[in-house]
């Protein structure tokens, strides 16, 4: 009979750990963009590594963009998924 409560606890723990990553987005004005390193710095001084993300060819400082990324909850950010110009 003690097996059933332990089974419920184990199921709850596994379900909590297997939570899906959450998509999120941030919009900001580009302060600096390094094409070589593929890094964007927003006006609030946050730094975003774009990885292999396709970036518009005419992207420069001063543009306002929306960056969609995969959030990993309390573990931070996983990756940038999309970048679109907002203006």
C-alpha atoms as a PDB file:
ATOM      1  CA  UNK A   1       0.000   0.000   0.000  1.00  0.00           C
ATOM      2  CA  UNK A   2       2.972   2.338   0.454  1.00  0.00           C
ATOM      3  CA  UNK A   3       3.810   1.979  -3.236  1.00  0.00           C
ATOM      4  CA  UNK A   4       0.863   4.055  -4.444  1.00  0.00           C
ATOM      5  CA  UNK A   5       1.775   7.354  -2.642  1.00  0.00           C
ATOM      6  CA  UNK A   6       5.383   6.997  -3.789  1.00  0.00           C
ATOM      7  CA  UNK A   7       4.201   6.431  -7.354  1.00  0.00           C
ATOM      8  CA  UNK A   8       2.153   9.623  -7.209  1.00  0.00           C
ATOM      9  CA  UNK A   9       5.149  11.571  -5.872  1.00  0.00           C
ATOM     10  CA  UNK A  10       7.443  10.192  -8.577  1.00  0.00           C
ATOM     11  CA  UNK A  11       4.920  11.052 -11.295  1.00  0.00           C
ATOM     12  CA  UNK A  12       4.616  14.610  -9.988  1.00  0.00           C
ATOM     13  CA  UNK A  13       8.394  15.087  -9.889  1.00  0.00           C
ATOM     14  CA  UNK A  14       8.845  13.767 -13.437  1.00  0.00           C
ATOM     15  CA  UNK A  15       6.026  15.933 -14.771  1.00  0.00           C
ATOM     16  CA  UNK A  16       7.562  19.007 -13.146  1.00  0.00           C
ATOM     17  CA  UNK A  17      11.033  18.322 -14.533  1.00  0.00           C
ATOM     18  CA  UNK A  18       9.741  17.600 -18.026  1.00  0.00           C
ATOM     19  CA  UNK A  19       8.040  20.987 -18.405  1.00  0.00           C
ATOM     20  CA  UNK A  20       8.382  22.368 -21.923  1.00  0.00           C
ATOM     21  CA  UNK A  21      10.551  25.350 -22.718  1.00  0.00           C
ATOM     22  CA  UNK A  22       8.607  28.582 -23.056  1.00  0.00           C
ATOM     23  CA  UNK A  23       8.769  30.944 -26.015  1.00  0.00           C
ATOM     24  CA  UNK A  24       9.168  34.601 -25.155  1.00  0.00           C
ATOM     25  CA  UNK A  25      10.073  37.794 -26.952  1.00  0.00           C
ATOM     26  CA  UNK A  26      11.748  41.091 -26.259  1.00  0.00           C
ATOM     27  CA  UNK A  27      11.606  44.331 -28.234  1.00  0.00           C
ATOM     28  CA  UNK A  28      14.308  46.954 -28.074  1.00  0.00           C
ATOM     29  CA  UNK A  29      16.430  49.452 -29.944  1.00  0.00           C
ATOM     30  CA  UNK A  30      19.791  48.179 -31.140  1.00  0.00           C
ATOM     31  CA  UNK A  31      22.690  50.022 -29.538  1.00  0.00           C
ATOM     32  CA  UNK A  32      25.352  47.934 -31.314  1.00  0.00           C
ATOM     33  CA  UNK A  33      25.448  44.976 -33.699  1.00  0.00           C
ATOM     34  CA  UNK A  34      28.570  42.871 -34.305  1.00  0.00           C
ATOM     35  CA  UNK A  35      28.163  41.043 -37.634  1.00  0.00           C
ATOM     36  CA  UNK A  36      31.271  38.918 -37.086  1.00  0.00           C
ATOM     37  CA  UNK A  37      30.231  37.553 -33.682  1.00  0.00           C
ATOM     38  CA  UNK A  38      26.482  37.804 -34.504  1.00  0.00           C
ATOM     39  CA  UNK A  39      25.779  39.656 -31.254  1.00  0.00           C
ATOM     40  CA  UNK A  40      23.200  42.384 -30.645  1.00  0.00           C
ATOM     41  CA  UNK A  41      23.338  44.821 -27.737  1.00  0.00           C
ATOM     42  CA  UNK A  42      20.088  46.595 -26.921  1.00  0.00           C
ATOM     43  CA  UNK A  43      19.797  50.113 -25.514  1.00  0.00           C
ATOM     44  CA  UNK A  44      19.230  48.697 -22.022  1.00  0.00           C
ATOM     45  CA  UNK A  45      22.672  47.018 -22.309  1.00  0.00           C
ATOM     46  CA  UNK A  46      21.342  43.461 -22.627  1.00  0.00           C
ATOM     47  CA  UNK A  47      23.497  41.278 -24.866  1.00  0.00           C
ATOM     48  CA  UNK A  48      21.947  38.677 -27.185  1.00  0.00           C
ATOM     49  CA  UNK A  49      23.867  35.978 -29.040  1.00  0.00           C
ATOM     50  CA  UNK A  50      21.998  35.211 -32.248  1.00  0.00           C
ATOM     51  CA  UNK A  51      23.831  32.039 -33.283  1.00  0.00           C
ATOM     52  CA  UNK A  52      22.870  30.799 -36.750  1.00  0.00           C
ATOM     53  CA  UNK A  53      19.789  33.032 -36.850  1.00  0.00           C
ATOM     54  CA  UNK A  54      19.016  34.746 -40.154  1.00  0.00           C
ATOM     55  CA  UNK A  55      19.503  38.479 -39.695  1.00  0.00           C
ATOM     56  CA  UNK A  56      18.322  41.164 -42.149  1.00  0.00           C
ATOM     57  CA  UNK A  57      21.274  42.362 -44.229  1.00  0.00           C
ATOM     58  CA  UNK A  58      20.671  46.054 -43.534  1.00  0.00           C
ATOM     59  CA  UNK A  59      20.425  45.683 -39.740  1.00  0.00           C
ATOM     60  CA  UNK A  60      22.267  48.486 -37.938  1.00  0.00           C
ATOM     61  CA  UNK A  61      22.287  50.410 -34.679  1.00  0.00           C
ATOM     62  CA  UNK A  62      19.156  52.477 -34.158  1.00  0.00           C
ATOM     63  CA  UNK A  63      16.689  49.917 -35.514  1.00  0.00           C
ATOM     64  CA  UNK A  64      13.983  48.644 -33.201  1.00  0.00           C
ATOM     65  CA  UNK A  65      13.669  44.856 -33.402  1.00  0.00           C
ATOM     66  CA  UNK A  66      11.690  42.073 -31.787  1.00  0.00           C
ATOM     67  CA  UNK A  67      13.712  39.035 -30.766  1.00  0.00           C
ATOM     68  CA  UNK A  68      11.851  35.782 -30.147  1.00  0.00           C
ATOM     69  CA  UNK A  69      13.718  33.304 -27.980  1.00  0.00           C
ATOM     70  CA  UNK A  70      13.231  30.068 -26.088  1.00  0.00           C
ATOM     71  CA  UNK A  71      13.166  30.548 -22.342  1.00  0.00           C
ATOM     72  CA  UNK A  72      14.300  27.756 -20.059  1.00  0.00           C
ATOM     73  CA  UNK A  73      12.496  28.970 -16.953  1.00  0.00           C
ATOM     74  CA  UNK A  74      14.866  29.671 -14.076  1.00  0.00           C
ATOM     75  CA  UNK A  75      17.815  28.376 -16.114  1.00  0.00           C
ATOM     76  CA  UNK A  76      17.774  31.423 -18.399  1.00  0.00           C
ATOM     77  CA  UNK A  77      17.592  31.581 -22.158  1.00  0.00           C
ATOM     78  CA  UNK A  78      18.176  28.669 -24.526  1.00  0.00           C
ATOM     79  CA  UNK A  79      18.396  30.239 -27.982  1.00  0.00           C
ATOM     80  CA  UNK A  80      17.180  33.037 -30.228  1.00  0.00           C
ATOM     81  CA  UNK A  81      14.553  31.744 -32.647  1.00  0.00           C
ATOM     82  CA  UNK A  82      13.606  34.765 -34.754  1.00  0.00           C
ATOM     83  CA  UNK A  83      14.495  38.406 -35.272  1.00  0.00           C
ATOM     84  CA  UNK A  84      12.125  40.882 -36.929  1.00  0.00           C
ATOM     85  CA  UNK A  85      12.365  44.622 -37.449  1.00  0.00           C
ATOM     86  CA  UNK A  86       9.680  46.531 -35.589  1.00  0.00           C
ATOM     87  CA  UNK A  87      10.047  49.783 -37.564  1.00  0.00           C
END
